[in-house]
Protein backbone atom coordinates (compact mmCIF):
# COMPACT_ATOMS: atom_id res chain seq x y z
CA MET A 1 -42.81 7.18 -0.18
CA ALA A 2 -42.36 5.14 -3.00
CA VAL A 3 -45.75 3.17 -4.06
CA SER A 4 -46.32 0.05 -5.99
CA ILE A 5 -49.00 -2.31 -8.07
CA THR A 6 -49.44 -5.48 -6.44
CA GLY A 7 -52.30 -6.90 -8.25
CA TRP A 8 -55.13 -6.04 -11.00
CA GLY A 9 -58.44 -7.24 -12.57
CA HIS A 10 -59.84 -6.43 -15.61
CA ASN A 11 -62.90 -7.38 -17.85
CA LYS A 12 -63.38 -7.80 -21.67
CA PHE A 13 -64.58 -4.27 -23.01
CA GLY A 14 -67.36 -4.39 -25.27
CA THR A 15 -70.70 -4.12 -25.65
CA ASN A 16 -72.38 -5.85 -22.46
CA PRO A 17 -76.18 -5.19 -22.36
CA ASN A 18 -76.83 -7.42 -19.46
CA VAL A 19 -74.00 -6.68 -17.13
CA SER A 20 -74.69 -3.61 -14.64
CA SER A 21 -71.52 -1.32 -13.45
CA GLU A 22 -72.03 -3.23 -10.10
CA GLU A 23 -71.53 -6.71 -11.78
CA MET A 24 -68.52 -5.34 -13.56
CA ILE A 25 -67.01 -3.84 -10.35
CA LYS A 26 -67.71 -7.22 -8.42
CA ASP A 27 -65.96 -8.98 -11.19
CA VAL A 28 -62.83 -6.92 -11.32
CA VAL A 29 -62.68 -6.26 -7.62
CA GLU A 30 -62.52 -10.10 -7.06
CA GLN A 31 -59.89 -10.36 -9.69
CA ALA A 32 -57.59 -8.01 -8.34
CA VAL A 33 -57.73 -8.97 -4.43
CA ASN A 34 -57.01 -12.88 -5.65
CA HIS A 35 -54.24 -11.51 -7.86
CA ALA A 36 -52.69 -9.74 -4.99
CA GLU A 37 -53.24 -12.52 -2.82
CA ILE A 38 -54.39 -10.42 -0.01
CA ASP A 39 -57.75 -10.47 2.28
CA THR A 40 -60.38 -7.59 1.23
CA ARG A 41 -59.60 -6.78 5.04
CA ASP A 42 -56.48 -5.61 4.26
CA ILE A 43 -57.69 -2.92 1.94
CA ASP A 44 -57.58 0.91 3.59
CA THR A 45 -59.09 3.06 1.13
CA ILE A 46 -61.02 2.61 -2.25
CA VAL A 47 -60.74 4.98 -4.78
CA VAL A 48 -63.49 4.47 -7.91
CA GLY A 49 -62.87 6.53 -11.42
CA THR A 50 -66.14 7.15 -12.83
CA PHE A 51 -67.49 9.74 -15.71
CA ASN A 52 -71.10 8.56 -16.04
CA ASN A 53 -72.71 12.12 -16.30
CA GLY A 54 -75.52 10.34 -17.90
CA PHE A 55 -74.96 7.26 -19.34
CA GLN A 56 -76.82 5.20 -16.82
CA LYS A 57 -79.47 5.99 -13.79
CA GLN A 58 -77.17 4.49 -11.04
CA ASP A 59 -74.63 6.68 -9.71
CA PHE A 60 -72.95 6.86 -6.55
CA HIS A 61 -70.08 4.46 -7.81
CA ALA A 62 -67.93 4.50 -4.48
CA ALA A 63 -70.63 2.65 -2.82
CA LEU A 64 -70.95 -0.62 -5.27
CA PRO A 65 -67.46 -2.35 -4.25
CA ALA A 66 -69.11 -3.17 -0.83
CA ILE A 67 -72.27 -4.50 -1.65
CA SER A 68 -70.25 -7.71 -3.21
CA GLN A 69 -67.54 -7.39 -0.75
CA GLU A 70 -69.11 -7.33 3.10
CA HIS A 71 -65.57 -6.67 4.35
CA LEU A 72 -65.36 -3.29 2.44
CA LYS A 73 -68.51 -1.79 3.67
CA HIS A 74 -66.83 0.12 6.33
CA VAL A 75 -63.80 1.05 4.56
CA PRO A 76 -63.42 4.87 3.13
CA SER A 77 -64.81 5.01 -0.24
CA THR A 78 -64.59 7.97 -2.90
CA ARG A 79 -65.58 8.50 -6.31
CA VAL A 80 -63.71 10.64 -8.76
CA GLU A 81 -64.09 12.15 -12.18
CA ASN A 82 -61.75 13.89 -14.72
CA ALA A 83 -63.25 13.16 -18.05
CA CYS A 84 -61.40 10.61 -20.03
CA ALA A 85 -58.29 10.96 -17.41
CA THR A 86 -60.47 9.84 -14.56
CA GLY A 87 -59.00 6.27 -14.19
CA SER A 88 -55.63 8.14 -13.58
CA ALA A 89 -57.02 10.43 -11.61
CA ALA A 90 -58.41 7.35 -9.32
CA ILE A 91 -54.76 5.93 -9.03
CA HIS A 92 -53.70 9.42 -8.20
CA THR A 93 -55.90 10.02 -5.20
CA ALA A 94 -54.92 6.50 -4.20
CA MET A 95 -51.44 7.36 -4.36
CA ASN A 96 -51.80 10.35 -2.18
CA ALA A 97 -53.60 8.62 0.16
CA ILE A 98 -50.46 6.00 0.74
CA GLU A 99 -48.08 8.82 0.41
CA ALA A 100 -49.68 10.73 3.42
CA LYS A 101 -49.41 7.75 5.39
CA ARG A 102 -53.41 7.57 5.74
CA ALA A 103 -53.42 3.82 3.93
CA LYS A 104 -51.07 0.83 3.47
CA ILE A 105 -53.08 -0.59 0.55
CA ALA A 106 -55.63 0.63 -1.54
CA LEU A 107 -58.25 -0.59 -4.35
CA VAL A 108 -58.61 1.17 -7.39
CA VAL A 109 -61.44 0.49 -9.71
CA GLY A 110 -61.82 1.97 -13.12
CA VAL A 111 -65.69 1.74 -14.50
CA GLU A 112 -67.99 2.84 -17.32
CA LYS A 113 -71.10 1.81 -18.55
CA MET A 114 -71.69 3.54 -21.79
CA THR A 115 -73.86 1.17 -24.15
CA GLU A 116 -77.30 1.69 -22.76
CA ARG A 117 -77.51 5.37 -24.36
CA SER A 118 -77.93 6.27 -28.09
CA THR A 119 -75.07 7.12 -30.13
CA ALA A 120 -76.39 10.76 -30.21
CA GLU A 121 -76.66 10.69 -26.26
CA VAL A 122 -73.34 9.49 -26.00
CA GLY A 123 -71.82 12.11 -28.27
CA ASP A 124 -73.91 14.94 -26.22
CA ILE A 125 -72.69 13.40 -23.20
CA LEU A 126 -69.14 13.45 -23.86
CA LEU A 127 -69.41 16.92 -24.81
CA GLY A 128 -69.22 17.60 -20.96
CA ALA A 129 -65.70 17.07 -21.41
CA SER A 130 -65.41 19.82 -23.63
CA TYR A 131 -65.90 23.78 -23.42
CA ARG A 132 -69.71 23.50 -24.10
CA LYS A 133 -69.79 27.74 -24.24
CA GLU A 134 -68.05 27.54 -27.76
CA GLU A 135 -67.77 23.66 -28.64
CA GLY A 136 -71.06 22.55 -27.64
CA ASP A 137 -72.71 22.90 -31.19
CA ILE A 138 -70.05 21.05 -33.10
CA LYS A 139 -71.43 18.51 -35.23
CA GLY A 140 -70.49 14.94 -34.58
CA GLY A 141 -69.79 15.24 -30.26
CA PHE A 142 -66.12 14.81 -29.40
CA ALA A 143 -65.20 13.29 -32.81
CA GLY A 144 -66.36 16.42 -34.47
CA VAL A 145 -63.81 18.42 -31.64
CA PHE A 146 -60.99 16.23 -32.57
CA ALA A 147 -62.12 16.56 -36.48
CA GLN A 148 -61.33 20.07 -35.77
CA ILE A 149 -58.09 19.17 -34.33
CA ALA A 150 -57.10 17.21 -37.02
CA ASP A 151 -58.24 19.53 -39.51
CA GLY A 152 -56.16 22.19 -38.16
CA TYR A 153 -52.99 19.84 -37.84
CA PHE A 154 -53.73 19.04 -41.71
CA GLN A 155 -53.97 22.59 -42.75
CA ARG A 156 -50.45 23.43 -41.00
CA TYR A 157 -48.62 20.31 -41.77
CA GLY A 158 -50.57 18.38 -45.13
CA ASP A 159 -52.97 15.70 -45.16
CA LYS A 160 -51.90 12.95 -42.99
CA SER A 161 -55.23 10.65 -43.62
CA GLU A 162 -53.19 7.83 -44.76
CA ILE A 163 -50.87 8.29 -41.36
CA LEU A 164 -54.05 7.98 -39.26
CA ALA A 165 -55.23 4.91 -41.29
CA LYS A 166 -51.63 3.43 -40.37
CA ILE A 167 -52.23 4.08 -36.75
CA ALA A 168 -55.84 2.58 -36.83
CA ALA A 169 -54.30 -0.56 -38.75
CA LYS A 170 -51.36 -0.95 -36.27
CA ASN A 171 -53.38 -1.05 -33.17
CA HIS A 172 -56.25 -3.11 -34.54
CA LYS A 173 -53.53 -5.51 -35.46
CA ASN A 174 -51.99 -5.33 -31.88
CA GLY A 175 -55.29 -5.70 -30.34
CA SER A 176 -56.45 -8.64 -32.34
CA VAL A 177 -54.48 -10.67 -30.08
CA ASN A 178 -55.77 -8.92 -26.72
CA PRO A 179 -58.09 -10.91 -25.18
CA PHE A 180 -59.72 -7.85 -23.16
CA ALA A 181 -60.17 -5.88 -26.37
CA HIS A 182 -63.73 -4.92 -27.53
CA MET A 183 -62.87 -5.49 -31.40
CA GLN A 184 -60.58 -8.50 -31.76
CA ILE A 185 -59.96 -7.80 -35.53
CA ASP A 186 -57.13 -6.93 -37.83
CA LEU A 187 -58.83 -4.53 -40.14
CA GLY A 188 -55.80 -4.05 -42.14
CA PHE A 189 -54.59 -0.79 -43.55
CA LYS A 190 -56.89 -0.72 -47.05
CA PHE A 191 -59.77 -0.87 -45.23
CA CYS A 192 -58.92 1.97 -42.55
CA ASN A 193 -57.79 4.26 -45.46
CA ASN A 194 -60.83 3.87 -47.33
CA ILE A 195 -64.11 5.41 -47.28
CA SER A 196 -66.67 2.60 -47.18
CA GLU A 197 -70.36 1.86 -45.79
CA LYS A 198 -68.72 -0.01 -43.31
CA ASN A 199 -66.15 2.51 -42.58
CA PRO A 200 -67.61 6.09 -43.22
CA TYR A 201 -66.89 9.37 -42.11
CA VAL A 202 -67.93 10.40 -38.73
CA ALA A 203 -66.81 13.97 -38.93
CA LYS A 204 -64.47 14.60 -41.94
CA PRO A 205 -61.97 14.14 -42.15
CA LEU A 206 -62.16 11.31 -39.26
CA LYS A 207 -63.36 8.00 -40.33
CA ARG A 208 -65.14 5.45 -38.01
CA THR A 209 -61.52 3.53 -37.79
CA ASP A 210 -60.20 6.76 -36.68
CA CYS A 211 -62.46 6.56 -33.49
CA SER A 212 -62.74 4.65 -30.24
CA MET A 213 -65.40 2.52 -29.84
CA VAL A 214 -68.47 3.19 -27.12
CA SER A 215 -67.81 0.62 -24.82
CA ASP A 216 -68.69 -1.15 -21.03
CA GLY A 217 -65.89 -2.04 -19.32
CA ALA A 218 -63.84 -2.10 -16.22
CA ALA A 219 -60.71 -2.34 -14.54
CA ALA A 220 -59.17 -2.56 -10.92
CA LEU A 221 -55.91 -2.21 -9.34
CA ILE A 222 -54.08 -2.88 -5.85
CA ILE A 223 -51.94 -0.16 -4.79
CA ALA A 224 -49.59 -0.15 -1.75
CA GLU A 225 -46.54 1.51 0.13
CA GLN A 226 -43.29 -0.38 -1.45
CA GLU A 227 -42.54 -1.62 1.90
CA THR A 228 -45.72 -3.80 2.05
CA SER A 229 -45.30 -4.15 -1.45
CA LEU A 230 -42.21 -6.36 -1.18
CA THR A 231 -43.46 -9.14 0.88
CA MET A 232 -46.13 -9.47 -1.86
CA LYS A 233 -45.60 -11.69 -5.14
CA ARG A 234 -46.03 -8.89 -7.22
CA SER A 235 -44.57 -5.23 -7.08
CA ILE A 236 -44.38 -2.93 -10.11
CA ASN A 237 -43.14 0.52 -9.17
CA PHE A 238 -44.44 3.86 -10.17
CA ARG A 239 -40.81 5.53 -10.95
CA ALA A 240 -42.76 8.68 -11.59
CA THR A 241 -46.09 10.14 -11.95
CA LYS A 242 -47.03 13.36 -13.37
CA GLN A 243 -50.18 15.64 -14.12
CA VAL A 244 -50.33 18.68 -15.94
CA ASN A 245 -53.32 20.31 -16.78
CA ASP A 246 -53.69 22.80 -20.14
CA ILE A 247 -56.43 25.18 -20.36
CA LEU A 248 -60.07 24.19 -21.65
CA PRO A 249 -61.27 26.36 -24.35
CA LEU A 250 -59.51 25.19 -27.97
CA SER A 251 -59.62 28.58 -28.68
CA LYS A 252 -57.14 29.71 -26.21
CA ARG A 253 -54.21 27.08 -27.39
CA ASP A 254 -52.43 25.99 -30.37
CA LYS A 255 -54.71 22.73 -30.97
CA THR A 256 -52.05 21.16 -33.58
CA GLU A 257 -49.78 20.43 -29.87
CA PHE A 258 -50.59 19.09 -26.75
CA LYS A 259 -48.52 21.39 -24.77
CA GLY A 260 -49.90 19.55 -21.37
CA ALA A 261 -49.06 16.62 -22.51
CA GLU A 262 -45.61 17.73 -23.66
CA LEU A 263 -44.81 19.31 -20.18
CA ALA A 264 -46.08 15.82 -18.64
CA TRP A 265 -43.94 13.64 -20.31
CA ARG A 266 -40.66 16.19 -19.90
CA GLU A 267 -41.47 16.36 -16.33
CA ALA A 268 -42.07 12.70 -15.81
CA LEU A 269 -38.82 11.38 -17.72
CA ASP A 270 -36.96 14.07 -15.67
CA ASP A 271 -38.00 12.80 -12.50
CA SER A 272 -37.51 9.23 -13.54
CA LYS A 273 -33.99 10.21 -14.33
CA ILE A 274 -34.54 8.12 -18.10
CA SER A 275 -35.08 9.43 -21.16
CA LEU A 276 -37.44 8.19 -24.01
CA ASP A 277 -35.32 5.92 -25.28
CA ASP A 278 -34.67 4.00 -21.90
CA LEU A 279 -38.91 2.98 -22.23
CA SER A 280 -39.84 -0.34 -23.64
CA PHE A 281 -43.21 0.48 -24.49
CA VAL A 282 -45.90 3.04 -24.19
CA GLU A 283 -49.75 2.57 -23.51
CA THR A 284 -51.10 6.25 -25.19
CA HIS A 285 -54.49 7.83 -24.98
CA ASP A 286 -55.77 7.08 -28.54
CA CYS A 287 -59.12 8.09 -28.31
CA PHE A 288 -59.11 9.46 -32.15
CA THR A 289 -55.79 8.56 -34.12
CA ILE A 290 -55.08 12.35 -34.52
CA ALA A 291 -54.35 12.41 -30.91
CA GLU A 292 -51.83 9.37 -31.49
CA LEU A 293 -49.92 11.29 -34.04
CA ILE A 294 -49.77 14.37 -31.78
CA GLU A 295 -48.74 12.38 -29.01
CA TYR A 296 -45.87 11.12 -30.60
CA GLU A 297 -44.68 14.77 -31.23
CA ALA A 298 -45.84 15.53 -27.45
CA MET A 299 -43.88 12.97 -26.02
CA GLY A 300 -40.48 13.82 -27.68
CA LEU A 301 -40.59 11.13 -30.19
CA THR A 302 -40.49 13.29 -33.35
CA LYS A 303 -40.39 16.89 -33.55
CA LYS A 304 -43.59 18.71 -34.01
CA GLY A 305 -45.02 18.03 -37.46
CA GLU A 306 -43.05 15.05 -38.09
CA GLY A 307 -45.04 12.40 -36.27
CA PHE A 308 -45.81 10.72 -39.29
CA LYS A 309 -42.31 9.60 -39.32
CA ALA A 310 -42.79 7.56 -36.26
CA ILE A 311 -45.27 5.16 -37.87
CA GLU A 312 -43.25 5.68 -41.70
CA GLU A 313 -39.94 4.45 -40.14
CA GLY A 314 -41.69 1.69 -38.04
CA ILE A 315 -40.50 2.78 -34.88
CA VAL A 316 -43.89 2.46 -32.82
CA TYR A 317 -44.81 -0.75 -34.16
CA LYS A 318 -44.50 -4.06 -31.82
CA ASP A 319 -41.54 -5.22 -32.81
CA GLY A 320 -40.50 -1.17 -33.22
CA LYS A 321 -37.64 0.75 -31.15
CA LEU A 322 -40.69 2.10 -29.10
CA PRO A 323 -43.91 -0.10 -29.31
CA ILE A 324 -46.86 2.23 -28.85
CA ASN A 325 -50.35 0.63 -27.61
CA PRO A 326 -49.50 -3.17 -28.08
CA SER A 327 -52.51 -3.73 -25.98
CA GLY A 328 -54.43 -2.19 -29.61
CA GLY A 329 -55.11 1.08 -27.38
CA LEU A 330 -58.32 2.63 -27.02
CA LYS A 331 -58.71 2.46 -30.57
CA SER A 332 -59.00 -1.11 -30.72
CA LYS A 333 -59.41 -2.34 -26.87
CA GLY A 334 -62.35 0.32 -26.21
CA HIS A 335 -62.90 3.39 -24.30
CA PRO A 336 -64.88 3.15 -21.56
CA ILE A 337 -64.33 6.71 -19.88
CA GLY A 338 -63.86 5.92 -16.52
CA ALA A 339 -62.05 2.51 -16.88
CA THR A 340 -59.48 3.55 -19.57
CA GLY A 341 -56.65 5.02 -17.47
CA VAL A 342 -57.02 1.90 -15.15
CA SER A 343 -56.97 -0.41 -17.98
CA GLN A 344 -53.63 0.92 -19.41
CA HIS A 345 -51.79 0.50 -16.16
CA VAL A 346 -53.01 -3.21 -16.15
CA MET A 347 -52.09 -3.83 -19.76
CA SER A 348 -48.50 -2.39 -18.98
CA CYS A 349 -48.10 -4.29 -15.82
CA MET A 350 -48.96 -7.08 -17.39
CA GLN A 351 -46.09 -6.63 -19.96
CA LEU A 352 -43.88 -5.75 -17.20
CA MET A 353 -44.55 -9.14 -15.48
CA ASN A 354 -44.30 -11.11 -18.93
CA GLU A 355 -48.06 -11.99 -18.32
CA ALA A 356 -49.32 -10.29 -21.59
CA GLY A 357 -49.38 -13.42 -23.62
CA ASP A 358 -49.39 -12.58 -27.33
CA MET A 359 -49.46 -8.72 -26.54
CA GLN A 360 -45.96 -9.17 -25.01
CA VAL A 361 -43.26 -7.17 -25.76
CA GLU A 362 -40.29 -8.54 -25.70
CA ASN A 363 -37.90 -8.06 -22.78
CA ALA A 364 -40.35 -5.03 -21.64
CA LYS A 365 -38.39 -3.24 -18.38
CA LEU A 366 -39.68 -0.09 -18.27
CA ALA A 367 -43.55 1.15 -19.24
CA GLY A 368 -44.71 4.85 -20.20
CA ILE A 369 -48.41 5.65 -19.94
CA PHE A 370 -50.17 8.44 -21.38
CA ASN A 371 -53.69 9.13 -20.09
CA MET A 372 -55.55 12.56 -20.89
CA GLY A 373 -59.14 14.10 -20.17
CA GLY A 374 -60.83 16.17 -22.63
CA SER A 375 -58.79 17.10 -25.90
CA ALA A 376 -55.46 17.23 -23.86
CA VAL A 377 -56.78 19.30 -20.96
CA ALA A 378 -56.05 16.89 -17.75
CA ASN A 379 -52.47 14.92 -18.87
CA TYR A 380 -51.53 12.09 -16.85
CA VAL A 381 -48.04 10.55 -17.36
CA SER A 382 -46.82 7.35 -15.38
CA ILE A 383 -43.75 5.39 -15.70
CA LEU A 384 -43.50 1.89 -14.16
CA GLU A 385 -40.69 -0.47 -13.35
CA ARG A 386 -41.09 -4.20 -12.27
CA ILE A 387 -39.25 -4.52 -8.72
CA HIS A 388 -40.07 -7.95 -8.40
């Protein structure tokens, strides 16, 4: 059964000290319901994605949407978690319910409230998405994990620090015109490339500008069976979805390539009966700039070890052959863990509906989305296409 996105909501990511998860959920649910032009009585199931794992004392997020929406109080609601791919896991769970004919319309919410903890506490919480038995003592938290990936990549293919700086600068330029982004500043290559008091090493060779920000944020989607969606104002079809996992310990795989991501992309493109050349843009999971570089290779944009060519030849810029992260990506937009996968789908839907404002990619027809949990352990790819 075909499944479509019919409406969405998204708050501004950032440091929001006076806004709770409950309030963020209320905001984006109201936005999504109004955007889809439905009544909350039409919703058959709810899936909430949140990592939490100690960011805040309030848990049981599946129960929060109904607090502000009385008609949702008896609707089945489930919370899911799959590390940094939690948002995509929530989407897949909702799609499964629709495809199983247990629901016609689903509400998906992704949310995270991260900024109540110190930087050190956040780093330790995020290490819960690594293999603590071997990686729990890595300095720098998850930045340290990806620093090891970057170091291994550099040892094999040469120092690519300037390429990482170009990726960061690209995404910050894109994000400077994204009204939902945590950081709406075009930092420029020089700043991103140089070590400074404002851009120190977080975990060498990764600088602060190589790392996504700790953010609060939420996003929501209304998802419907396609027959129902065709009666609605917007209908953006999932042409393909694919999840492929890889083994958790980095010691048991080649950390300089994301094999699970490669397989997810290959299978999603095959299912879609298209090639990478057919995509209008990609929203990819740049939790760290080294991740985006390796993802160029995993999606098949370049050969292994040649991801630098994608940026050097201008392919991935907004006016390039395949714009990558026209929203600014996690690097600029922020990375509230549970919200990220849902946010990537919202940003892509805005592009396909020509509703992306200054972020708009010209003539956007097909969107590719890659969201991963952990160090490319849970790998999700979506291919989206506007129906009407």
